[in-house]
Amino acid sequence: MTLLMAAAPAQAHTTLLNLYLLPDNHVRFENGPELDLAQLRLKIRNLKRRKPWPNIVLQPDKAAARYDFVAKVLATFQSEGYDRLGFLGLSQK
């Protein structure tokens, strides 16, 4: 008698990406280039093609932690239907 065991299904690992909010109304993912809000919108559309969607951690720079810019970044994600966001304090970058 042979016992066959099914392999456990591969679990998709969710990626965690840091998004730094910079002092000049730009953002930067990890080691990527600086993006303005229009470029961020395009980047979000590309991220939505990944399965599962990456989790984004917003990290405002101390000098860039103005409410209006943070609100614009959040609105950009919201308008694209991207809801995997979180915050992590104030960045020193």
C-alpha atoms as a PDB file:
ATOM      1  CA  MET A   1       0.000   0.000   0.000  1.00  0.00           C
ATOM      2  CA  THR A   2       1.369   3.375  -1.007  1.00  0.00           C
ATOM      3  CA  LEU A   3       0.431   6.541   0.833  1.00  0.00           C
ATOM      4  CA  LEU A   4       0.532   9.678  -1.272  1.00  0.00           C
ATOM      5  CA  MET A   5       0.586  13.033   0.409  1.00  0.00           C
ATOM      6  CA  ALA A   6      -0.526  16.086  -1.458  1.00  0.00           C
ATOM      7  CA  ALA A   7       1.887  18.968  -1.400  1.00  0.00           C
ATOM      8  CA  ALA A   8       0.722  21.942   0.578  1.00  0.00           C
ATOM      9  CA  PRO A   9      -0.506  24.690  -1.719  1.00  0.00           C
ATOM     10  CA  ALA A  10       1.992  27.447  -2.250  1.00  0.00           C
ATOM     11  CA  GLN A  11       0.995  30.524  -0.330  1.00  0.00           C
ATOM     12  CA  ALA A  12       1.356  33.856  -1.998  1.00  0.00           C
ATOM     13  CA  HIS A  13       3.574  36.113   0.069  1.00  0.00           C
ATOM     14  CA  THR A  14       2.505  39.706   0.354  1.00  0.00           C
ATOM     15  CA  THR A  15       5.268  42.182  -0.377  1.00  0.00           C
ATOM     16  CA  LEU A  16       5.839  45.123   1.935  1.00  0.00           C
ATOM     17  CA  LEU A  17       6.974  48.335   0.247  1.00  0.00           C
ATOM     18  CA  ASN A  18       8.089  51.495   2.030  1.00  0.00           C
ATOM     19  CA  LEU A  19       6.933  54.757   0.451  1.00  0.00           C
ATOM     20  CA  TYR A  20       8.836  57.789   1.677  1.00  0.00           C
ATOM     21  CA  LEU A  21       7.069  61.168   1.499  1.00  0.00           C
ATOM     22  CA  LEU A  22       9.786  63.686   0.698  1.00  0.00           C
ATOM     23  CA  PRO A  23      10.028  67.425   1.514  1.00  0.00           C
ATOM     24  CA  ASP A  24       9.563  68.565  -2.093  1.00  0.00           C
ATOM     25  CA  ASN A  25       6.073  67.060  -2.619  1.00  0.00           C
ATOM     26  CA  HIS A  26       7.554  63.923  -4.107  1.00  0.00           C
ATOM     27  CA  VAL A  27       7.549  60.320  -2.989  1.00  0.00           C
ATOM     28  CA  ARG A  28      10.071  57.507  -3.340  1.00  0.00           C
ATOM     29  CA  PHE A  29       9.628  53.741  -3.068  1.00  0.00           C
ATOM     30  CA  GLU A  30      12.598  52.058  -1.339  1.00  0.00           C
ATOM     31  CA  ASN A  31      15.589  52.776  -3.619  1.00  0.00           C
ATOM     32  CA  GLY A  32      13.545  53.964  -6.590  1.00  0.00           C
ATOM     33  CA  PRO A  33      13.438  57.369  -8.230  1.00  0.00           C
ATOM     34  CA  GLU A  34      11.528  60.328  -6.859  1.00  0.00           C
ATOM     35  CA  LEU A  35       7.971  60.504  -8.201  1.00  0.00           C
ATOM     36  CA  ASP A  36       5.464  63.319  -8.355  1.00  0.00           C
ATOM     37  CA  LEU A  37       1.779  62.554  -7.801  1.00  0.00           C
ATOM     38  CA  ALA A  38       1.079  61.890 -11.504  1.00  0.00           C
ATOM     39  CA  GLN A  39       3.959  59.411 -11.632  1.00  0.00           C
ATOM     40  CA  LEU A  40       2.765  57.859  -8.369  1.00  0.00           C
ATOM     41  CA  ARG A  41      -0.644  57.270  -9.963  1.00  0.00           C
ATOM     42  CA  LEU A  42       1.017  55.306 -12.776  1.00  0.00           C
ATOM     43  CA  LYS A  43       3.102  53.336 -10.271  1.00  0.00           C
ATOM     44  CA  ILE A  44      -0.045  52.430  -8.322  1.00  0.00           C
ATOM     45  CA  ARG A  45      -1.650  51.099 -11.501  1.00  0.00           C
ATOM     46  CA  ASN A  46       1.401  48.893 -12.058  1.00  0.00           C
ATOM     47  CA  LEU A  47       1.335  47.677  -8.446  1.00  0.00           C
ATOM     48  CA  LYS A  48      -2.296  46.635  -8.862  1.00  0.00           C
ATOM     49  CA  ARG A  49      -1.190  44.128 -11.506  1.00  0.00           C
ATOM     50  CA  ARG A  50       0.662  42.125  -8.830  1.00  0.00           C
ATOM     51  CA  LYS A  51      -1.147  39.331  -7.073  1.00  0.00           C
ATOM     52  CA  PRO A  52      -1.468  39.794  -4.170  1.00  0.00           C
ATOM     53  CA  TRP A  53      -1.183  43.551  -4.031  1.00  0.00           C
ATOM     54  CA  PRO A  54       1.832  44.736  -2.031  1.00  0.00           C
ATOM     55  CA  ASN A  55       1.236  46.400   1.317  1.00  0.00           C
ATOM     56  CA  ILE A  56       2.468  49.991   1.265  1.00  0.00           C
ATOM     57  CA  VAL A  57       3.894  51.640   4.388  1.00  0.00           C
ATOM     58  CA  LEU A  58       3.825  55.427   4.172  1.00  0.00           C
ATOM     59  CA  GLN A  59       6.758  57.072   5.918  1.00  0.00           C
ATOM     60  CA  PRO A  60       6.541  60.875   5.955  1.00  0.00           C
ATOM     61  CA  ASP A  61       9.791  62.787   6.215  1.00  0.00           C
ATOM     62  CA  LYS A  62       9.863  65.122   9.226  1.00  0.00           C
ATOM     63  CA  ALA A  63      10.166  68.127   6.911  1.00  0.00           C
ATOM     64  CA  ALA A  64       7.423  66.816   4.605  1.00  0.00           C
ATOM     65  CA  ALA A  65       4.852  65.783   7.164  1.00  0.00           C
ATOM     66  CA  ARG A  66       2.415  68.456   6.088  1.00  0.00           C
ATOM     67  CA  TYR A  67      -1.185  67.342   6.261  1.00  0.00           C
ATOM     68  CA  ASP A  68      -2.055  68.633   2.777  1.00  0.00           C
ATOM     69  CA  PHE A  69       0.634  66.567   1.047  1.00  0.00           C
ATOM     70  CA  VAL A  70      -0.096  63.425   3.050  1.00  0.00           C
ATOM     71  CA  ALA A  71      -3.792  63.919   2.203  1.00  0.00           C
ATOM     72  CA  LYS A  72      -2.959  64.238  -1.513  1.00  0.00           C
ATOM     73  CA  VAL A  73      -0.919  61.029  -1.434  1.00  0.00           C
ATOM     74  CA  LEU A  74      -3.753  59.201   0.349  1.00  0.00           C
ATOM     75  CA  ALA A  75      -6.289  60.605  -2.140  1.00  0.00           C
ATOM     76  CA  THR A  76      -4.140  59.369  -5.020  1.00  0.00           C
ATOM     77  CA  PHE A  77      -4.194  55.830  -3.641  1.00  0.00           C
ATOM     78  CA  GLN A  78      -7.913  56.062  -2.898  1.00  0.00           C
ATOM     79  CA  SER A  79      -8.787  57.304  -6.393  1.00  0.00           C
ATOM     80  CA  GLU A  80      -6.985  54.264  -7.818  1.00  0.00           C
ATOM     81  CA  GLY A  81      -8.844  51.894  -5.483  1.00  0.00           C
ATOM     82  CA  TYR A  82      -5.682  50.852  -3.649  1.00  0.00           C
ATOM     83  CA  ASP A  83      -6.380  50.129   0.008  1.00  0.00           C
ATOM     84  CA  ARG A  84      -3.324  48.290   1.342  1.00  0.00           C
ATOM     85  CA  LEU A  85      -1.781  51.227   3.195  1.00  0.00           C
ATOM     86  CA  GLY A  86      -0.312  51.853   6.604  1.00  0.00           C
ATOM     87  CA  PHE A  87       1.815  54.443   8.383  1.00  0.00           C
ATOM     88  CA  LEU A  88       5.126  54.132  10.163  1.00  0.00           C
ATOM     89  CA  GLY A  89       6.075  57.221  12.143  1.00  0.00           C
ATOM     90  CA  LEU A  90       8.198  60.016  10.765  1.00  0.00           C
ATOM     91  CA  SER A  91      11.127  59.084   8.554  1.00  0.00           C
ATOM     92  CA  GLN A  92      14.579  60.581   8.879  1.00  0.00           C
ATOM     93  CA  LYS A  93      15.211  60.145   5.128  1.00  0.00           C
END
